Structures are given as C-alpha cells and as structure tokens.
C-alpha cells in the first residue's frame, strides 16, 4: 500500500520526542515546544497582558446594539469587548439571576444544587430582550485583543481542567470527538454522569482516555474549588474586575498539551522550575523527573538551538530539505503560501513523483509554520501541480495528519484543480511575528544579513588590552564569530600575534548581526 510518509526525510521511527523549553526574563516568559528537535510552537507570556484566553471578568454592559444583535461590554480594555447574542449561552437568564443574588450577598451556596433555573432564551432572539445597559455580567475571554480590536468574549463560561471542562448553568455531558472508540466514549460518559454535580455540564477531554473515576473526580473537585473561589470574589465587586484568571501560561500549556510522549521540560528559572515540577507531580507523578533546571552559562534558547530556528523560520522565505522552499505573504484578507521546488533536479524520478515529494515535505512545514506563527483566518497554499488524483489525495491526507496536533480549530478543503488548498484556522492570540531584517549599515533600508566591519571590534578590543584586561571573551553573532576565527591567518590569530593575548570567541544565535559584547572571566560585560 502506498505510504507517502516514506518520502519524507527523517521519519525513521514512530517514536516522537517532545520537549518544552521555558525561558524566563524580567517582563516575559517564552515557551518553545520542540518535536524531534524541531521548533513547532512559540508562546510568550507577558506581565502586561491582562486579557488571557480563559480569563473570566465581572463586567458591565456598555450598550446593546440590535442591528448587530450584540453588546459592547466594558472589561477594562481601551476597546470594549464584543459579545454576540449567540455567545450568551441558553441559560443567560439563570446566570444574571445568580450574579444579582451572589453580588448582593443573598446567595452564599455556590453549588447550584438548590438554585432554581430560569427558562432557556430563544436561540433566534434579540439581544435587547435579554441584556440592558449597566447590567452586571460574567464574561470569558475567548480571543485576546488583536490589532485595533478589543477582546472577543462569551457568557457561556467554561473552566478547563486536566481531564474535564466544567460548564456552569448546563446539564450537558459531551466527550471529545478525538476519542474514536465508541466503547471508551460510553464508559467515560457513565463515569462522568456518576460524579456530575447538579447545575453543571461536563466536557470530557481527549487526555481522559483510559482514566479511572477517581482521577476524573479529583479534577472535578479542583474545578469546583476554582468556581467557589470565583463566586466569593463576586460579592460587592468592582466593575470591571477579573474574578477567575486562567492558569499561568506554563501550567495551561502543560494542561492542554502534556502527554506521555514528552521527554523533557527544561526551565532556566528556579521559582518557575519548582512550580512546574509540582504541577507535573500532580498531573503525572511518573513524569516528574523529566522537569530539569537549566544551569549552563550558555543561554537556554541558544543551548537547544531555538534562536537559530527562530531566525530561519520567521522570514518571508522558509527553506526546507532538498532545496525546496516556501514563500509566505500576508495580505489584508488572507495569507498566501507558495511552494517552490528550488533548483533541485532528480533524474531518477519523473516530474509527478518529484512534485509529490516536494509537496509532502512542504505540507509538513506548512503545518509547523501555522502553529509557529499562529497564523489565522484564510490561508491559501499554492502547491506544485500534480496530474494524478491519487497523489492529490495523498497530499490532502498527509496535510490533515500533520495538522491533527494543532489545538486551534481549523478546516482544510481538498485541492482544487489548480493545485490550491484552502485552510481556515482560528486564531485566539495576536500572530507571532519576529523581525528577521536589520538596518543596512552601508546604506538605506533593511537587509537580511548585513556584513559587519571588524575594525570596530578591533578598536574596542585594543582599548581593553591597554587597560591590561585579562581573559577576554567576545560574544557575537555566529556569522561574525566564524569570520573572526576561520581561515589563516584569522583576525583572532592576528590579534594574538599583535598583542600576545588570546581572545575566546563565543557564537550567539540570539544576537543581531551588528551586536557584540566583551566579557571578563566571571562573565561580566566589560564593554
């Protein structure tokens, strides 16, 4: 049977290694997810970000607009949050009644078991029949503020745990569609039905497969504790205010993606290391030992080759194996990706086989790029034309398989007769965009790789040597480091002949082409 994955290089084993590398800085924490050493996801948690997906606010309706069948809600952002009628949830009337009674102190039992529910709202109703200006409302961020838009919000609340998601003001039980086995779905439904509290719905997550009722119940009790804590903050609240914060990005990322295939979690901050070790110890005690503290002098992203991958993955052009490359363009309406075979030639294959091979390699890289950049909206991919229907189906199936791990909601249409594949992908955070071009030191505009004149470094070095500085280390971009150390005589060798002092040179992927620093033997910057 034809197996297109055989054409892809590097797929020698079914075993997949997943590593999470976490870099902590003063104002932000960066998370890099590696799959078999290749960067597939990059996240950043900034202290200044007050609107994370999953956060719940108690807020006030600013204005209901019948023409849009939506309301604008003051959640404390410069632009109001947008709440559509269809995002209210059928039990919005019950929620409004609950909020009023809790905020005034008339209701202190938050379990909903003795709470009288109101009738569901009409699913084709009008927003002004349900909401009024200045009304208090619980809303959850479903899409972070992007560009000039405020956060997208919903009143259909959900509190995510490791194995289940708790849905207040609901009685529905549903199981993840990614669980294929009907028997397992039925088993999980039975277990959840036996522990479900009255007034709450439950969604069973994919990672709950094979779990026992005690594990699900422990997760449920943790979520009920978070719900109770949230309700306590609703008594005489300030408007707007956050009443339930999503877990920090490290914990929420682990909660959503962590599984048995993870081989390593490396952190460079001791406090964060302890938090993550404790969290992994709770959700997967057997995996606690994979959490490691990075203690090398080499920066953590540098050590794991992430800086280099960032520099080569975020430009307009993305190189791949066997000479193929992608060109990624972002227009106002959509993203366009062009697949190019490059200057490769392979006489042992005909044109159709070559096109299939390049397309399969490209599909793998495109699935990675969508996650890495968190590209959203409409994405049109122009693959190399293929004449055989079987090859077009193989490409379509392969792209779907490669994107099956993508947590963002997406839809892929089969290839058109022009070789185009259309993808829609939901984005809930601002797109990751990393600048790969720098100012041209020899002229106007920007270029991808400016060449540094070594005279400046030499002048600075001579100043240090005159001060009789011992054991000097120079850190510079890898291109510059290579230029200084390669060849004979290399500039470094020349320095040694001129000054009888050896300079250690360290390549740093994170540096820009024009950046360099001198350090003393303790690692302190000296220039």
Protein backbone atom coordinates (compact mmCIF):
# COMPACT_ATOMS: atom_id res chain seq x y z
CA UNK A 1 0.00 0.00 0.00
CA UNK A 2 1.25 3.48 -0.88
CA UNK A 3 2.65 5.33 2.14
CA UNK A 4 3.51 8.97 1.35
CA UNK A 5 5.26 9.47 4.70
CA UNK A 6 8.10 7.26 3.45
CA UNK A 7 9.09 10.04 1.10
CA UNK A 8 9.70 12.40 3.99
CA UNK A 9 13.22 12.56 5.29
CA UNK A 10 13.99 11.92 8.92
CA UNK A 11 10.95 9.72 9.63
CA UNK A 12 12.77 6.59 10.65
CA UNK A 13 10.92 5.89 13.86
CA UNK A 14 7.35 6.14 15.09
CA UNK A 15 8.58 7.45 18.43
CA UNK A 16 8.17 11.20 18.78
CA UNK A 17 10.21 13.20 21.28
CA UNK A 18 8.55 16.33 22.61
CA UNK A 19 10.49 18.90 24.62
CA UNK A 20 9.26 22.08 26.25
CA UNK A 21 11.93 24.75 26.77
CA UNK A 22 10.95 27.67 29.03
CA UNK A 23 12.97 30.89 29.15
CA UNK A 24 12.19 33.36 31.92
CA UNK A 25 13.03 37.03 31.50
CA UNK A 26 12.24 40.11 33.59
CA UNK A 27 8.98 41.05 31.87
CA UNK A 28 8.06 37.89 29.93
CA UNK A 29 8.31 34.11 29.80
CA UNK A 30 8.94 32.39 26.44
CA UNK A 31 7.81 28.82 25.75
CA UNK A 32 9.28 26.80 22.89
CA UNK A 33 7.75 23.42 22.03
CA UNK A 34 10.08 21.11 20.11
CA UNK A 35 9.03 17.95 18.26
CA UNK A 36 12.01 15.73 17.43
CA UNK A 37 14.24 18.78 17.98
CA UNK A 38 12.27 20.98 15.59
CA UNK A 39 10.52 24.12 16.84
CA UNK A 40 6.75 23.80 16.30
CA UNK A 41 5.25 26.29 18.76
CA UNK A 42 6.44 29.54 20.29
CA UNK A 43 4.44 31.29 23.03
CA UNK A 44 5.12 34.39 25.07
CA UNK A 45 3.52 35.32 28.41
CA UNK A 46 3.98 38.98 29.26
CA UNK A 47 3.27 40.52 32.66
CA UNK A 48 1.45 43.38 30.95
CA UNK A 49 -1.08 41.05 29.29
CA UNK A 50 -4.27 41.37 31.35
CA UNK A 51 -6.53 39.54 28.92
CA UNK A 52 -5.58 35.89 28.50
CA UNK A 53 -7.87 33.40 26.79
CA UNK A 54 -9.92 31.72 29.56
CA UNK A 55 -9.92 34.67 32.00
CA UNK A 56 -13.36 35.43 33.49
CA UNK A 57 -14.42 39.00 34.33
CA UNK A 58 -17.40 40.51 36.06
CA UNK A 59 -18.23 43.42 33.79
CA UNK A 60 -20.98 45.84 32.85
CA UNK A 61 -22.90 46.11 29.61
CA UNK A 62 -22.00 49.41 27.96
CA UNK A 63 -24.51 49.23 25.13
CA UNK A 64 -26.68 46.62 23.40
CA UNK A 65 -26.89 47.12 19.62
CA UNK A 66 -29.92 45.41 18.00
CA UNK A 67 -28.55 45.95 14.46
CA UNK A 68 -25.51 43.77 15.28
CA UNK A 69 -27.52 41.60 17.70
CA UNK A 70 -24.59 42.07 20.06
CA UNK A 71 -23.50 44.08 23.06
CA UNK A 72 -20.35 46.05 23.83
CA UNK A 73 -19.04 45.25 27.30
CA UNK A 74 -16.60 47.26 29.41
CA UNK A 75 -13.95 44.75 30.53
CA UNK A 76 -11.29 47.34 31.37
CA UNK A 77 -9.58 47.37 27.95
CA UNK A 78 -9.27 50.54 25.85
CA UNK A 79 -11.74 48.99 23.38
CA UNK A 80 -14.93 47.33 24.65
CA UNK A 81 -15.32 43.57 24.41
CA UNK A 82 -17.71 42.30 21.73
CA UNK A 83 -20.46 39.89 22.89
CA UNK A 84 -22.74 38.40 20.23
CA UNK A 85 -26.21 37.05 21.06
CA UNK A 86 -25.14 33.52 20.07
CA UNK A 87 -22.31 33.69 22.65
CA UNK A 88 -24.65 34.41 25.55
CA UNK A 89 -25.47 30.75 26.19
CA UNK A 90 -29.03 29.41 26.53
CA UNK A 91 -29.01 29.85 30.33
CA UNK A 92 -28.01 33.54 30.41
CA UNK A 93 -31.18 34.44 32.35
CA UNK A 94 -30.23 31.99 35.11
CA UNK A 95 -26.71 33.44 35.20
CA UNK A 96 -27.98 37.03 35.51
CA UNK A 97 -30.23 35.98 38.40
CA UNK A 98 -27.30 34.13 40.07
CA UNK A 99 -24.95 37.13 39.70
CA UNK A 100 -27.52 39.51 41.20
CA UNK A 101 -28.12 37.28 44.24
CA UNK A 102 -24.44 36.50 44.85
CA UNK A 103 -23.23 40.11 44.43
CA UNK A 104 -25.80 41.36 46.95
CA UNK A 105 -25.00 38.60 49.45
CA UNK A 106 -28.44 36.93 49.26
CA UNK A 107 -26.97 33.68 47.94
CA UNK A 108 -24.00 32.02 49.65
CA UNK A 109 -24.41 28.47 48.37
CA UNK A 110 -22.50 28.47 45.07
CA UNK A 111 -23.05 24.79 44.23
CA UNK A 112 -26.25 25.41 42.12
CA UNK A 113 -27.85 22.25 43.60
CA UNK A 114 -30.65 24.28 45.24
CA UNK A 115 -30.68 27.07 42.67
CA UNK A 116 -33.88 27.48 40.62
CA UNK A 117 -33.05 27.80 36.94
CA UNK A 118 -34.83 30.15 34.53
CA UNK A 119 -36.15 29.20 31.10
CA UNK A 120 -33.64 28.99 28.20
CA UNK A 121 -33.59 32.06 25.96
CA UNK A 122 -34.87 31.85 22.38
CA UNK A 123 -31.92 30.88 20.15
CA UNK A 124 -33.19 33.28 17.45
CA UNK A 125 -33.94 36.13 19.86
CA UNK A 126 -32.78 39.76 20.03
CA UNK A 127 -30.04 41.00 22.38
CA UNK A 128 -32.13 43.89 23.76
CA UNK A 129 -34.73 41.39 25.04
CA UNK A 130 -32.06 39.82 27.28
CA UNK A 131 -29.48 42.49 28.20
CA UNK A 132 -29.78 46.10 29.31
CA UNK A 133 -27.15 48.85 29.68
CA UNK A 134 -25.25 48.88 33.02
CA UNK A 135 -26.26 45.28 33.78
CA UNK A 136 -23.63 43.11 35.58
CA UNK A 137 -22.49 40.09 33.62
CA UNK A 138 -19.88 37.33 33.80
CA UNK A 139 -17.87 37.11 30.58
CA UNK A 140 -14.94 34.95 29.48
CA UNK A 141 -12.18 35.97 27.08
CA UNK A 142 -12.25 33.69 24.02
CA UNK A 143 -9.96 35.82 21.84
CA UNK A 144 -7.26 38.17 23.08
CA UNK A 145 -7.20 41.80 21.85
CA UNK A 146 -5.68 41.74 18.36
CA UNK A 147 -4.60 44.84 16.44
CA UNK A 148 -7.28 47.53 16.90
CA UNK A 149 -9.97 45.13 18.17
CA UNK A 150 -10.95 44.59 21.78
CA UNK A 151 -11.17 41.10 23.29
CA UNK A 152 -13.85 38.73 21.93
CA UNK A 153 -15.90 37.47 24.86
CA UNK A 154 -18.58 34.91 25.70
CA UNK A 155 -21.02 34.42 28.57
CA UNK A 156 -21.06 30.66 28.02
CA UNK A 157 -18.45 30.01 30.70
CA UNK A 158 -16.14 27.01 30.89
CA UNK A 159 -13.39 26.18 33.39
CA UNK A 160 -10.79 23.83 31.93
CA UNK A 161 -9.08 21.12 33.95
CA UNK A 162 -6.65 18.38 33.03
CA UNK A 163 -9.24 15.73 32.08
CA UNK A 164 -12.55 17.59 32.04
CA UNK A 165 -14.03 21.04 31.39
CA UNK A 166 -16.67 22.31 33.82
CA UNK A 167 -19.58 24.26 32.26
CA UNK A 168 -21.75 26.17 34.81
CA UNK A 169 -25.51 26.57 34.14
CA UNK A 170 -25.71 23.47 31.96
CA UNK A 171 -26.61 19.79 32.31
CA UNK A 172 -24.97 18.51 29.16
CA UNK A 173 -22.28 15.79 29.10
CA UNK A 174 -20.13 15.56 25.98
CA UNK A 175 -16.95 13.69 25.08
CA UNK A 176 -14.09 14.85 22.85
CA UNK A 177 -14.61 13.88 19.21
CA UNK A 178 -10.92 12.93 19.02
CA UNK A 179 -11.71 9.80 21.08
CA UNK A 180 -12.55 7.29 18.34
CA UNK A 181 -13.70 4.28 20.37
CA UNK A 182 -17.47 4.23 20.98
CA UNK A 183 -16.96 1.90 23.97
CA UNK A 184 -14.49 4.34 25.58
CA UNK A 185 -16.84 7.27 24.94
CA UNK A 186 -19.73 5.39 26.59
CA UNK A 187 -17.51 4.39 29.54
CA UNK A 188 -16.39 7.97 30.13
CA UNK A 189 -19.98 9.26 29.85
CA UNK A 190 -21.09 6.74 32.50
CA UNK A 191 -18.26 7.70 34.85
CA UNK A 192 -18.87 11.43 34.47
CA UNK A 193 -22.64 11.01 34.93
CA UNK A 194 -21.98 9.35 38.31
CA UNK A 195 -19.95 12.33 39.64
CA UNK A 196 -21.51 15.32 37.81
CA UNK A 197 -22.85 17.99 40.20
CA UNK A 198 -26.34 19.38 39.58
CA UNK A 199 -26.42 22.57 37.52
CA UNK A 200 -23.07 21.92 35.81
CA UNK A 201 -22.28 20.40 32.43
CA UNK A 202 -19.06 18.48 31.73
CA UNK A 203 -16.94 18.14 28.60
CA UNK A 204 -14.54 15.18 28.71
CA UNK A 205 -11.14 15.97 27.17
CA UNK A 206 -9.10 13.67 24.91
CA UNK A 207 -6.46 13.01 27.59
CA UNK A 208 -9.14 11.38 29.79
CA UNK A 209 -8.91 8.18 27.70
CA UNK A 210 -8.29 5.19 29.97
CA UNK A 211 -8.53 7.25 33.19
CA UNK A 212 -10.33 5.97 36.30
CA UNK A 213 -13.25 7.67 38.02
CA UNK A 214 -11.05 8.73 40.98
CA UNK A 215 -8.77 10.75 38.66
CA UNK A 216 -11.74 12.44 36.98
CA UNK A 217 -13.35 13.18 40.34
CA UNK A 218 -10.12 14.72 41.69
CA UNK A 219 -10.02 17.00 38.64
CA UNK A 220 -13.70 17.87 39.12
CA UNK A 221 -13.20 18.78 42.81
CA UNK A 222 -10.30 21.05 41.84
CA UNK A 223 -12.52 22.82 39.27
CA UNK A 224 -15.39 23.16 41.78
CA UNK A 225 -12.88 24.76 44.17
CA UNK A 226 -11.94 27.30 41.49
CA UNK A 227 -15.64 28.01 40.79
CA UNK A 228 -16.28 28.61 44.54
CA UNK A 229 -13.24 30.91 44.77
CA UNK A 230 -14.53 32.85 41.78
CA UNK A 231 -18.02 33.25 43.26
CA UNK A 232 -16.57 34.63 46.52
CA UNK A 233 -14.99 37.48 44.53
CA UNK A 234 -18.41 38.39 43.11
CA UNK A 235 -19.71 39.80 46.42
CA UNK A 236 -19.90 43.61 46.05
CA UNK A 237 -17.38 43.55 43.19
CA UNK A 238 -15.68 46.41 41.38
CA UNK A 239 -16.67 46.64 37.72
CA UNK A 240 -14.88 45.51 35.68
CA UNK A 241 -12.63 43.07 37.57
CA UNK A 242 -11.07 39.69 36.89
CA UNK A 243 -12.73 37.05 39.08
CA UNK A 244 -11.00 33.97 37.67
CA UNK A 245 -7.61 34.05 35.98
CA UNK A 246 -6.50 31.34 33.59
CA UNK A 247 -3.56 29.33 34.91
CA UNK A 248 -0.20 30.90 34.10
CA UNK A 249 0.81 30.12 30.53
CA UNK A 250 3.26 27.39 31.62
CA UNK A 251 0.61 25.45 33.54
CA UNK A 252 -2.15 26.00 30.96
CA UNK A 253 0.19 24.90 28.17
CA UNK A 254 1.11 21.76 30.09
CA UNK A 255 -2.52 21.09 30.93
CA UNK A 256 -3.51 21.27 27.24
CA UNK A 257 -0.59 19.54 25.50
CA UNK A 258 1.22 17.39 28.07
CA UNK A 259 1.15 13.64 27.44
CA UNK A 260 3.32 10.53 27.70
CA UNK A 261 5.37 11.46 24.62
CA UNK A 262 7.05 14.35 26.49
CA UNK A 263 10.67 13.51 27.15
CA UNK A 264 11.92 16.76 28.68
CA UNK A 265 10.79 20.07 30.22
CA UNK A 266 13.69 22.44 30.80
CA UNK A 267 13.39 25.75 32.71
CA UNK A 268 16.02 28.41 33.40
CA UNK A 269 14.31 30.00 36.43
CA UNK A 270 14.38 28.30 39.83
CA UNK A 271 10.97 29.55 41.04
CA UNK A 272 9.26 28.57 37.79
CA UNK A 273 11.10 25.22 37.86
CA UNK A 274 9.64 24.45 41.32
CA UNK A 275 6.11 25.45 40.22
CA UNK A 276 6.24 23.30 37.07
CA UNK A 277 7.78 20.33 38.90
CA UNK A 278 4.96 20.48 41.47
CA UNK A 279 2.31 20.79 38.74
CA UNK A 280 3.69 17.85 36.73
CA UNK A 281 3.95 15.88 40.00
CA UNK A 282 0.20 16.42 40.44
CA UNK A 283 -0.98 15.58 36.92
CA UNK A 284 1.58 12.88 36.04
CA UNK A 285 3.75 11.77 39.00
CA UNK A 286 5.71 9.27 36.87
CA UNK A 287 6.91 12.14 34.64
CA UNK A 288 8.11 14.49 37.39
CA UNK A 289 11.75 13.52 36.74
CA UNK A 290 11.70 14.96 33.18
CA UNK A 291 11.48 18.52 34.58
CA UNK A 292 15.03 19.91 34.65
CA UNK A 293 16.65 23.18 35.70
CA UNK A 294 18.95 24.73 33.10
CA UNK A 295 22.21 25.70 34.84
CA UNK A 296 24.63 26.29 31.97
CA UNK A 297 26.28 29.66 31.23
CA UNK A 298 25.03 29.32 27.65
CA UNK A 299 21.51 30.86 27.37
CA UNK A 300 18.77 28.20 27.33
CA UNK A 301 17.38 29.00 23.83
CA UNK A 302 20.93 29.06 22.48
CA UNK A 303 21.78 25.69 24.05
CA UNK A 304 18.79 23.99 22.43
CA UNK A 305 19.25 25.62 19.00
CA UNK A 306 16.00 27.58 19.29
CA UNK A 307 17.42 31.01 18.49
CA UNK A 308 18.82 29.71 15.21
CA UNK A 309 15.49 28.09 14.30
CA UNK A 310 13.62 31.32 15.09
CA UNK A 311 15.91 33.29 12.77
CA UNK A 312 15.41 30.83 9.92
CA UNK A 313 11.67 30.21 10.41
CA UNK A 314 10.09 33.65 10.57
CA UNK A 315 11.27 35.32 7.38
CA UNK A 316 9.26 35.75 4.20
CA UNK A 317 11.15 32.80 2.68
CA UNK A 318 11.39 29.48 4.56
CA UNK A 319 13.97 26.93 3.40
CA UNK A 320 13.27 23.19 3.58
CA UNK A 321 15.15 20.00 2.83
CA UNK A 322 16.24 19.01 -0.71
CA UNK A 323 16.38 22.63 -1.90
CA UNK A 324 12.63 23.30 -1.69
CA UNK A 325 11.35 26.49 -0.07
CA UNK A 326 8.15 28.35 0.86
CA UNK A 327 7.29 32.00 0.26
CA UNK A 328 4.77 33.29 2.84
CA UNK A 329 2.91 36.54 2.10
CA UNK A 330 0.40 38.23 4.41
CA UNK A 331 -2.25 40.36 2.74
CA UNK A 332 -5.11 42.28 4.40
CA UNK A 333 -7.58 39.49 3.61
CA UNK A 334 -5.54 36.30 3.85
CA UNK A 335 -2.19 34.52 3.99
CA UNK A 336 -0.79 33.12 0.74
CA UNK A 337 1.86 30.37 0.74
CA UNK A 338 3.72 29.48 -2.44
CA UNK A 339 5.51 26.12 -2.68
CA UNK A 340 8.71 26.09 -4.75
CA UNK A 341 10.86 23.09 -5.67
CA UNK A 342 14.04 25.23 -5.87
CA UNK A 343 16.96 24.32 -8.10
CA UNK A 344 16.92 20.61 -7.28
CA UNK A 345 16.95 18.01 -10.01
CA UNK A 346 16.44 14.30 -9.62
CA UNK A 347 16.87 12.21 -12.73
CA UNK A 348 15.68 9.01 -11.05
CA UNK A 349 12.15 10.42 -10.61
CA UNK A 350 9.66 11.75 -13.11
CA UNK A 351 8.07 15.17 -12.72
CA UNK A 352 4.95 13.84 -11.00
CA UNK A 353 6.94 11.97 -8.29
CA UNK A 354 9.18 14.99 -7.73
CA UNK A 355 6.10 17.23 -7.34
CA UNK A 356 4.58 14.81 -4.83
CA UNK A 357 7.81 14.60 -2.83
CA UNK A 358 8.21 18.39 -2.62
CA UNK A 359 4.51 18.85 -1.79
CA UNK A 360 4.66 16.33 1.08
CA UNK A 361 7.75 17.99 2.55
CA UNK A 362 6.02 21.36 2.16
CA UNK A 363 2.79 20.16 3.83
CA UNK A 364 4.77 19.14 6.93
CA UNK A 365 6.50 22.53 7.06
CA UNK A 366 3.25 24.45 6.43
CA UNK A 367 1.52 22.67 9.35
CA UNK A 368 4.52 23.67 11.51
CA UNK A 369 4.52 27.28 10.27
CA UNK A 370 0.80 27.77 11.01
CA UNK A 371 1.34 26.75 14.64
CA UNK A 372 4.67 28.53 14.98
CA UNK A 373 3.40 31.90 13.73
CA UNK A 374 -0.17 31.25 14.98
CA UNK A 375 -1.48 32.28 11.59
CA UNK A 376 -5.25 32.71 11.45
CA UNK A 377 -8.08 33.45 9.05
CA UNK A 378 -7.92 32.19 5.45
CA UNK A 379 -4.68 30.56 4.26
CA UNK A 380 -4.32 29.64 0.58
CA UNK A 381 -1.47 27.28 -0.34
CA UNK A 382 -0.30 27.02 -3.95
CA UNK A 383 1.22 23.52 -4.14
CA UNK A 384 3.04 22.24 -7.23
CA UNK A 385 0.53 20.90 -9.77
CA UNK A 386 0.03 17.13 -9.84
CA UNK A 387 -1.85 15.25 -12.55
CA UNK A 388 -2.83 12.11 -10.60
CA UNK A 389 -5.90 12.17 -8.35
CA UNK A 390 -4.27 9.58 -6.04
CA UNK A 391 -1.33 11.93 -5.44
CA UNK A 392 -3.62 14.88 -4.69
CA UNK A 393 -5.50 12.71 -2.17
CA UNK A 394 -2.19 11.56 -0.61
CA UNK A 395 -1.17 15.22 -0.18
CA UNK A 396 -4.55 16.17 1.33
CA UNK A 397 -4.48 13.23 3.79
CA UNK A 398 -0.89 13.99 4.75
CA UNK A 399 -1.64 17.67 5.45
CA UNK A 400 -4.65 16.70 7.60
CA UNK A 401 -2.49 14.24 9.56
CA UNK A 402 0.25 16.83 10.11
CA UNK A 403 -2.31 19.36 11.37
CA UNK A 404 -4.12 16.88 13.63
CA UNK A 405 -1.99 18.02 16.62
CA UNK A 406 -2.92 21.67 16.07
CA UNK A 407 -5.03 22.84 19.03
CA UNK A 408 -6.56 25.73 17.06
CA UNK A 409 -9.87 24.99 15.30
CA UNK A 410 -9.21 24.57 11.60
CA UNK A 411 -10.73 23.25 8.40
CA UNK A 412 -8.89 22.04 5.29
CA UNK A 413 -10.54 21.82 1.86
CA UNK A 414 -9.36 19.25 -0.74
CA UNK A 415 -7.03 20.51 -3.51
CA UNK A 416 -8.69 22.41 -6.34
CA UNK A 417 -7.92 21.54 -9.96
CA UNK A 418 -5.38 24.39 -9.90
CA UNK A 419 -3.43 22.74 -7.05
CA UNK A 420 -4.66 25.21 -4.41
CA UNK A 421 -5.56 24.08 -0.90
CA UNK A 422 -7.61 26.42 1.27
CA UNK A 423 -7.33 26.33 5.07
CA UNK A 424 -9.27 28.28 7.68
CA UNK A 425 -7.70 28.47 11.12
CA UNK A 426 -8.97 30.19 14.23
CA UNK A 427 -6.53 32.49 15.98
CA UNK A 428 -7.18 33.48 19.61
CA UNK A 429 -3.93 35.40 20.25
CA UNK A 430 -2.01 38.05 18.27
CA UNK A 431 0.04 36.46 15.49
CA UNK A 432 3.66 35.69 16.40
CA UNK A 433 5.85 37.94 14.31
CA UNK A 434 9.62 38.09 14.73
CA UNK A 435 11.72 40.64 12.86
CA UNK A 436 14.43 38.97 10.79
CA UNK A 437 15.66 42.01 8.88
CA UNK A 438 18.03 44.65 10.23
CA UNK A 439 19.26 48.09 9.24
CA UNK A 440 21.82 48.12 6.47
CA UNK A 441 24.97 49.70 7.96
CA UNK A 442 26.28 50.56 4.49
CA UNK A 443 23.23 52.28 3.09
CA UNK A 444 19.47 52.88 3.30
CA UNK A 445 16.77 50.34 4.04
CA UNK A 446 16.99 46.89 5.58
CA UNK A 447 18.67 43.64 4.58
CA UNK A 448 18.56 40.06 5.84
CA UNK A 449 22.29 39.69 6.57
CA UNK A 450 24.44 42.84 6.84
CA UNK A 451 28.20 42.36 6.92
CA UNK A 452 29.97 43.80 9.93
CA UNK A 453 33.27 45.61 9.52
CA UNK A 454 35.67 44.08 12.04
CA UNK A 455 37.59 47.35 12.60
CA UNK A 456 35.09 48.48 15.26
CA UNK A 457 35.57 45.28 17.27
CA UNK A 458 39.34 45.56 16.87
CA UNK A 459 39.32 49.16 18.14
CA UNK A 460 37.24 48.22 21.21
CA UNK A 461 39.50 45.24 21.90
CA UNK A 462 42.62 47.38 21.79
CA UNK A 463 41.07 49.74 24.37
CA UNK A 464 40.56 46.79 26.73
CA UNK A 465 44.06 45.43 26.18
CA UNK A 466 45.52 48.83 27.05
CA UNK A 467 43.71 48.55 30.40
CA UNK A 468 45.50 45.22 30.89
CA UNK A 469 42.22 43.31 30.94
CA UNK A 470 42.87 39.56 31.44
CA UNK A 471 40.95 36.64 29.87
CA UNK A 472 38.64 38.42 27.47
CA UNK A 473 35.66 36.67 25.87
CA UNK A 474 33.93 38.12 22.82
CA UNK A 475 30.28 37.11 22.15
CA UNK A 476 28.99 37.80 18.64
CA UNK A 477 26.54 36.56 16.00
CA UNK A 478 27.62 33.17 14.52
CA UNK A 479 28.43 34.77 11.11
CA UNK A 480 30.73 37.27 12.78
CA UNK A 481 32.25 34.67 15.10
CA UNK A 482 33.02 32.45 12.10
CA UNK A 483 34.59 35.35 10.19
CA UNK A 484 36.84 36.14 13.16
CA UNK A 485 38.02 32.56 13.76
CA UNK A 486 38.18 30.85 10.35
CA UNK A 487 40.98 30.93 7.81
CA UNK A 488 44.68 31.60 8.27
CA UNK A 489 45.65 33.98 9.50
CA UNK A 490 42.22 34.66 11.01
CA UNK A 491 41.57 38.09 12.60
CA UNK A 492 41.79 36.42 16.02
CA UNK A 493 45.19 34.90 15.17
CA UNK A 494 46.33 38.33 14.02
CA UNK A 495 45.23 39.84 17.33
CA UNK A 496 47.27 37.19 19.16
CA UNK A 497 50.37 37.95 17.05
CA UNK A 498 49.96 41.71 17.61
CA UNK A 499 49.07 41.71 21.33
CA UNK A 500 50.16 38.26 22.67
CA UNK A 501 46.68 37.82 24.14
CA UNK A 502 44.23 35.07 23.14
CA UNK A 503 40.57 36.10 22.87
CA UNK A 504 37.88 33.46 23.35
CA UNK A 505 35.06 33.92 20.83
CA UNK A 506 31.55 32.58 21.50
CA UNK A 507 28.87 32.47 18.76
CA UNK A 508 25.46 33.67 19.97
CA UNK A 509 22.40 32.87 17.83
CA UNK A 510 20.26 35.40 19.73
CA UNK A 511 22.46 38.37 18.76
CA UNK A 512 21.71 40.60 15.80
CA UNK A 513 24.41 40.77 13.13
CA UNK A 514 25.62 44.13 14.45
CA UNK A 515 25.65 43.15 18.14
CA UNK A 516 28.68 42.06 20.12
CA UNK A 517 29.81 42.17 23.77
CA UNK A 518 33.09 41.65 25.63
CA UNK A 519 33.03 39.76 28.96
CA UNK A 520 35.63 39.16 31.68
CA UNK A 521 36.46 35.74 33.15
CA UNK A 522 33.47 35.98 35.56
CA UNK A 523 31.11 36.58 32.65
CA UNK A 524 30.51 40.28 33.42
CA UNK A 525 30.13 42.68 30.48
CA UNK A 526 33.17 44.94 30.26
CA UNK A 527 32.28 46.95 27.15
